[in-house]
C-alpha atoms as a PDB file:
ATOM      1  CA  MET A   1     174.301 109.387 209.328  1.00  0.00           C
ATOM      2  CA  ALA A   2     171.181 107.523 209.002  1.00  0.00           C
ATOM      3  CA  GLN A   3     171.519 104.545 206.449  1.00  0.00           C
ATOM      4  CA  ARG A   4     168.271 105.587 204.313  1.00  0.00           C
ATOM      5  CA  GLU A   5     165.849 101.607 203.756  1.00  0.00           C
ATOM      6  CA  SER A   6     164.945 101.078 200.415  1.00  0.00           C
ATOM      7  CA  LEU A   7     160.852 101.144 200.052  1.00  0.00           C
ATOM      8  CA  THR A   8     159.411  97.962 198.523  1.00  0.00           C
ATOM      9  CA  ASN A   9     155.857  97.720 196.955  1.00  0.00           C
ATOM     10  CA  GLY A  10     155.218  94.088 198.002  1.00  0.00           C
ATOM     11  CA  PRO A  11     152.249  95.239 200.710  1.00  0.00           C
ATOM     12  CA  ALA A  12     151.070  97.294 197.980  1.00  0.00           C
ATOM     13  CA  ALA A  13     151.023  94.465 196.281  1.00  0.00           C
ATOM     14  CA  ALA A  14     149.779  92.249 198.489  1.00  0.00           C
ATOM     15  CA  ALA A  15     146.852  94.418 198.577  1.00  0.00           C
ATOM     16  CA  ILE A  16     145.991  95.114 195.375  1.00  0.00           C
ATOM     17  CA  LEU A  17     145.971  91.122 194.663  1.00  0.00           C
ATOM     18  CA  ALA A  18     143.275  90.271 198.251  1.00  0.00           C
ATOM     19  CA  SER A  19     141.086  92.825 196.729  1.00  0.00           C
ATOM     20  CA  GLY A  20     140.855  90.699 193.187  1.00  0.00           C
ATOM     21  CA  ILE A  21     140.688  87.087 195.379  1.00  0.00           C
ATOM     22  CA  GLY A  22     137.935  88.881 197.323  1.00  0.00           C
ATOM     23  CA  SER A  23     136.384  89.794 193.655  1.00  0.00           C
ATOM     24  CA  LEU A  24     136.886  86.294 192.171  1.00  0.00           C
ATOM     25  CA  THR A  25     135.840  84.745 196.107  1.00  0.00           C
ATOM     26  CA  LEU A  26     132.103  86.909 196.354  1.00  0.00           C
ATOM     27  CA  GLY A  27     131.710  85.695 191.799  1.00  0.00           C
ATOM     28  CA  LEU A  28     132.702  81.557 192.754  1.00  0.00           C
ATOM     29  CA  LEU A  29     130.263  82.220 195.942  1.00  0.00           C
ATOM     30  CA  THR A  30     127.429  83.965 194.115  1.00  0.00           C
ATOM     31  CA  THR A  31     127.335  81.246 190.922  1.00  0.00           C
ATOM     32  CA  VAL A  32     128.023  78.434 193.494  1.00  0.00           C
ATOM     33  CA  ALA A  33     125.129  79.102 195.532  1.00  0.00           C
ATOM     34  CA  GLN A  34     122.329  79.432 192.385  1.00  0.00           C
ATOM     35  CA  ALA A  35     123.260  75.803 191.271  1.00  0.00           C
ATOM     36  CA  VAL A  36     124.197  74.062 195.023  1.00  0.00           C
ATOM     37  CA  ALA A  37     120.818  74.722 197.487  1.00  0.00           C
ATOM     38  CA  LEU A  38     123.127  72.855 199.916  1.00  0.00           C
ATOM     39  CA  ILE A  39     125.907  75.522 199.556  1.00  0.00           C
ATOM     40  CA  ARG A  40     123.224  78.501 199.069  1.00  0.00           C
ATOM     41  CA  ASN A  41     121.514  76.667 202.735  1.00  0.00           C
ATOM     42  CA  ALA A  42     123.953  77.031 204.526  1.00  0.00           C
ATOM     43  CA  LEU A  43     125.721  80.300 203.363  1.00  0.00           C
ATOM     44  CA  ASN A  44     122.329  81.745 204.828  1.00  0.00           C
ATOM     45  CA  PHE A  45     123.694  83.258 207.732  1.00  0.00           C
ATOM     46  CA  TYR A  46     120.642  85.988 208.419  1.00  0.00           C
ATOM     47  CA  ASP A  47     117.211  85.117 207.347  1.00  0.00           C
ATOM     48  CA  PRO A  48     116.086  88.747 206.532  1.00  0.00           C
ATOM     49  CA  ALA A  49     119.102  88.105 203.862  1.00  0.00           C
ATOM     50  CA  GLY A  50     119.090  84.706 202.657  1.00  0.00           C
ATOM     51  CA  PRO A  51     122.207  83.632 201.182  1.00  0.00           C
ATOM     52  CA  LEU A  52     123.578  87.080 200.424  1.00  0.00           C
ATOM     53  CA  SER A  53     124.721  87.817 203.958  1.00  0.00           C
ATOM     54  CA  GLY A  54     126.902  83.571 203.607  1.00  0.00           C
ATOM     55  CA  LYS A  55     128.765  85.696 199.721  1.00  0.00           C
ATOM     56  CA  THR A  56     129.968  88.710 201.209  1.00  0.00           C
ATOM     57  CA  THR A  57     130.692  87.654 204.705  1.00  0.00           C
ATOM     58  CA  MET A  58     132.761  85.041 203.638  1.00  0.00           C
ATOM     59  CA  SER A  59     134.374  86.768 200.546  1.00  0.00           C
ATOM     60  CA  VAL A  60     135.887  89.438 203.041  1.00  0.00           C
ATOM     61  CA  VAL A  61     136.952  87.111 205.255  1.00  0.00           C
ATOM     62  CA  ILE A  62     138.870  85.320 202.592  1.00  0.00           C
ATOM     63  CA  TRP A  63     139.883  88.879 201.179  1.00  0.00           C
ATOM     64  CA  LEU A  64     141.353  89.991 204.717  1.00  0.00           C
ATOM     65  CA  VAL A  65     142.559  86.304 204.522  1.00  0.00           C
ATOM     66  CA  ALA A  66     144.146  86.961 201.685  1.00  0.00           C
ATOM     67  CA  TRP A  67     146.147  90.390 202.513  1.00  0.00           C
ATOM     68  CA  ALA A  68     147.712  89.143 205.732  1.00  0.00           C
ATOM     69  CA  LEU A  69     148.867  86.284 204.154  1.00  0.00           C
ATOM     70  CA  PHE A  70     150.259  87.806 201.203  1.00  0.00           C
ATOM     71  CA  HIS A  71     151.105  90.755 203.238  1.00  0.00           C
ATOM     72  CA  GLY A  72     153.006  88.594 205.497  1.00  0.00           C
ATOM     73  CA  LEU A  73     155.285  86.891 203.030  1.00  0.00           C
ATOM     74  CA  TRP A  74     156.039  90.052 200.525  1.00  0.00           C
ATOM     75  CA  LYS A  75     156.369  92.408 203.512  1.00  0.00           C
ATOM     76  CA  ASN A  76     160.444  92.987 202.675  1.00  0.00           C
ATOM     77  CA  GLN A  77     160.135  92.157 199.245  1.00  0.00           C
ATOM     78  CA  GLN A  78     160.498  94.384 194.924  1.00  0.00           C
ATOM     79  CA  LYS A  79     157.165  92.630 193.319  1.00  0.00           C
ATOM     80  CA  ASP A  80     156.838  92.924 189.604  1.00  0.00           C
ATOM     81  CA  PHE A  81     153.427  94.930 190.152  1.00  0.00           C
ATOM     82  CA  SER A  82     151.838  95.080 186.372  1.00  0.00           C
ATOM     83  CA  LYS A  83     152.324  91.322 186.770  1.00  0.00           C
ATOM     84  CA  VAL A  84     150.168  91.564 189.836  1.00  0.00           C
ATOM     85  CA  PHE A  85     147.993  94.523 189.037  1.00  0.00           C
ATOM     86  CA  ILE A  86     147.324  92.590 185.689  1.00  0.00           C
ATOM     87  CA  VAL A  87     146.122  88.661 187.049  1.00  0.00           C
ATOM     88  CA  THR A  88     143.776  91.667 190.120  1.00  0.00           C
ATOM     89  CA  LEU A  89     142.286  93.032 186.930  1.00  0.00           C
ATOM     90  CA  CYS A  90     141.004  89.640 185.584  1.00  0.00           C
ATOM     91  CA  MET A  91     139.922  88.531 188.790  1.00  0.00           C
ATOM     92  CA  ILE A  92     137.719  91.333 189.000  1.00  0.00           C
ATOM     93  CA  ALA A  93     136.332  90.799 185.392  1.00  0.00           C
ATOM     94  CA  LEU A  94     135.680  87.074 186.534  1.00  0.00           C
ATOM     95  CA  GLY A  95     133.651  88.466 189.958  1.00  0.00           C
ATOM     96  CA  LEU A  96     131.756  90.694 188.102  1.00  0.00           C
ATOM     97  CA  LEU A  97     130.821  87.697 186.036  1.00  0.00           C
ATOM     98  CA  GLY A  98     129.877  85.442 188.555  1.00  0.00           C
ATOM     99  CA  THR A  99     128.172  88.294 190.343  1.00  0.00           C
ATOM    100  CA  PHE A 100     126.231  89.517 186.652  1.00  0.00           C
ATOM    101  CA  PRO A 101     122.556  88.104 186.694  1.00  0.00           C
ATOM    102  CA  PRO A 102     122.240  86.932 183.356  1.00  0.00           C
ATOM    103  CA  PHE A 103     125.475  84.707 184.073  1.00  0.00           C
ATOM    104  CA  PHE A 104     124.638  82.374 187.100  1.00  0.00           C
ATOM    105  CA  GLU A 105     120.543  82.375 186.383  1.00  0.00           C
ATOM    106  CA  ALA A 106     122.383  80.162 184.119  1.00  0.00           C
ATOM    107  CA  PHE A 107     123.547  77.732 186.711  1.00  0.00           C
ATOM    108  CA  SER A 108     120.082  77.013 187.895  1.00  0.00           C
ATOM    109  CA  ARG A 109     118.877  73.941 189.157  1.00  0.00           C
END
């Protein structure tokens, strides 16, 4: 009889946490680009879109790197999913706040 492997939630937790990290990155880049002209100019990857092209591209890259990193670290582990979920929700909320115009425009120079 084949031995049954135990299932772990590490890969799912990694995917959930990475989404929060990507969201937070977008919020931080949006706010920092509004405050620092050098960053805003550096994030202008494509002129018709302006710095939005760099903000979204970098957020996706950070999301993918975080997902790959945490997946590699947690692939055979069982994680406290409720803690991961709460941390992720907090990061998503902060990321959303960072993309809210009244918030990031408060940092305009």
